[in-house]
């Protein structure tokens, strides 16, 4: 299967998980295409000042790969600056948040893996 990147479904979430601004999600695969193994596999765009609010994961883990831009990742409450190439992992039972801190959009690849 090959999916044209320009035809990926786009969703805009305002105040995602209680965060600031609007986050854009471009789904690489639908949940059905992941056959119950993963819940989300998307490219996320956070414009300057936007964030995903702190939340916990239970029964699943989430992985962010920073593609471009800079941000501040809350790793279960510990704040860590992140940039291109960084990988952020949140395992089941822990929480996270992320904020775009730079003047460019923060671009992430996000994968939520079901336990």
Protein backbone atom coordinates (compact mmCIF):
# COMPACT_ATOMS: atom_id res chain seq x y z
CA UNK A 1 0.00 0.00 0.00
CA UNK A 2 1.15 3.53 -0.78
CA UNK A 3 -0.80 6.52 0.46
CA UNK A 4 -0.31 9.90 -1.17
CA UNK A 5 0.84 12.34 1.52
CA UNK A 6 -1.30 15.12 0.06
CA UNK A 7 -4.41 13.00 0.51
CA UNK A 8 -3.93 12.08 4.17
CA UNK A 9 -6.90 12.98 6.39
CA UNK A 10 -6.33 16.23 8.30
CA UNK A 11 -7.84 17.03 11.69
CA UNK A 12 -7.51 20.26 13.68
CA UNK A 13 -7.83 19.94 17.47
CA UNK A 14 -8.23 23.10 19.50
CA UNK A 15 -6.87 23.00 23.06
CA UNK A 16 -5.74 19.38 22.63
CA UNK A 17 -5.77 17.65 26.00
CA UNK A 18 -6.28 21.06 27.63
CA UNK A 19 -3.32 22.65 25.84
CA UNK A 20 -3.06 26.00 24.07
CA UNK A 21 -3.86 26.79 20.44
CA UNK A 22 -4.66 24.37 17.64
CA UNK A 23 -2.76 21.18 16.80
CA UNK A 24 -3.00 19.75 13.28
CA UNK A 25 -2.95 15.96 12.86
CA UNK A 26 -2.33 14.18 9.56
CA UNK A 27 -3.13 10.48 9.96
CA UNK A 28 -0.66 8.18 8.21
CA UNK A 29 -2.90 5.19 8.95
CA UNK A 30 -6.40 4.78 10.33
CA UNK A 31 -6.97 2.58 13.40
CA UNK A 32 -8.50 -0.05 11.09
CA UNK A 33 -5.38 -0.07 8.92
CA UNK A 34 -3.31 -0.78 12.07
CA UNK A 35 -5.39 -3.91 12.85
CA UNK A 36 -5.83 -3.20 16.56
CA UNK A 37 -2.09 -2.94 17.24
CA UNK A 38 -1.88 0.86 17.48
CA UNK A 39 -4.34 3.66 18.18
CA UNK A 40 -2.65 6.55 16.38
CA UNK A 41 0.09 7.03 13.79
CA UNK A 42 0.13 10.66 12.66
CA UNK A 43 2.19 13.73 11.89
CA UNK A 44 1.41 16.50 14.38
CA UNK A 45 2.03 20.19 13.79
CA UNK A 46 2.11 22.60 16.72
CA UNK A 47 2.46 26.27 15.73
CA UNK A 48 4.38 28.74 17.86
CA UNK A 49 2.98 28.74 21.42
CA UNK A 50 0.66 25.76 20.87
CA UNK A 51 0.74 22.78 23.19
CA UNK A 52 -0.74 19.42 24.03
CA UNK A 53 -1.75 19.49 27.68
CA UNK A 54 -0.46 17.07 30.30
CA UNK A 55 -2.22 13.70 30.27
CA UNK A 56 -1.47 10.13 31.30
CA UNK A 57 -1.54 6.97 29.22
CA UNK A 58 -2.97 3.71 30.55
CA UNK A 59 -2.91 0.49 28.56
CA UNK A 60 -0.87 2.15 25.82
CA UNK A 61 2.41 3.95 25.23
CA UNK A 62 3.09 7.01 23.06
CA UNK A 63 6.20 7.84 21.09
CA UNK A 64 7.02 11.25 19.60
CA UNK A 65 9.82 11.75 17.07
CA UNK A 66 10.68 15.42 16.61
CA UNK A 67 10.99 16.14 12.88
CA UNK A 68 11.56 19.90 13.02
CA UNK A 69 11.23 22.86 15.35
CA UNK A 70 11.90 23.08 19.07
CA UNK A 71 9.77 22.35 22.06
CA UNK A 72 9.54 21.65 25.75
CA UNK A 73 8.49 18.08 26.62
CA UNK A 74 7.04 17.31 30.03
CA UNK A 75 8.31 13.81 30.82
CA UNK A 76 5.98 12.84 33.67
CA UNK A 77 6.45 16.35 35.08
CA UNK A 78 10.17 16.80 34.30
CA UNK A 79 10.60 19.43 31.58
CA UNK A 80 13.11 18.60 28.84
CA UNK A 81 13.97 20.77 25.78
CA UNK A 82 13.57 18.82 22.51
CA UNK A 83 14.57 19.36 18.90
CA UNK A 84 14.97 17.55 15.58
CA UNK A 85 15.86 13.89 15.91
CA UNK A 86 14.84 13.60 19.57
CA UNK A 87 12.58 10.70 20.55
CA UNK A 88 10.16 11.08 23.48
CA UNK A 89 8.64 7.93 24.99
CA UNK A 90 5.72 7.86 27.43
CA UNK A 91 4.96 4.37 28.75
CA UNK A 92 1.67 3.18 30.20
CA UNK A 93 1.07 4.60 33.67
CA UNK A 94 3.02 7.81 33.05
CA UNK A 95 2.12 11.20 31.60
CA UNK A 96 3.42 13.85 29.26
CA UNK A 97 2.78 17.19 27.57
CA UNK A 98 4.57 19.15 24.86
CA UNK A 99 4.78 22.81 23.83
CA UNK A 100 6.23 24.51 20.76
CA UNK A 101 8.79 26.98 22.09
CA UNK A 102 10.45 28.11 18.86
CA UNK A 103 9.50 30.54 16.12
CA UNK A 104 8.95 27.63 13.67
CA UNK A 105 6.22 25.00 13.86
CA UNK A 106 7.04 21.96 15.97
CA UNK A 107 6.57 18.89 13.73
CA UNK A 108 6.27 15.46 15.34
CA UNK A 109 5.56 11.93 14.25
CA UNK A 110 3.34 10.37 16.93
CA UNK A 111 2.62 6.67 17.47
CA UNK A 112 0.34 5.29 20.17
CA UNK A 113 1.02 1.58 20.71
CA UNK A 114 -1.57 -0.53 22.54
CA UNK A 115 -0.24 -2.75 25.35
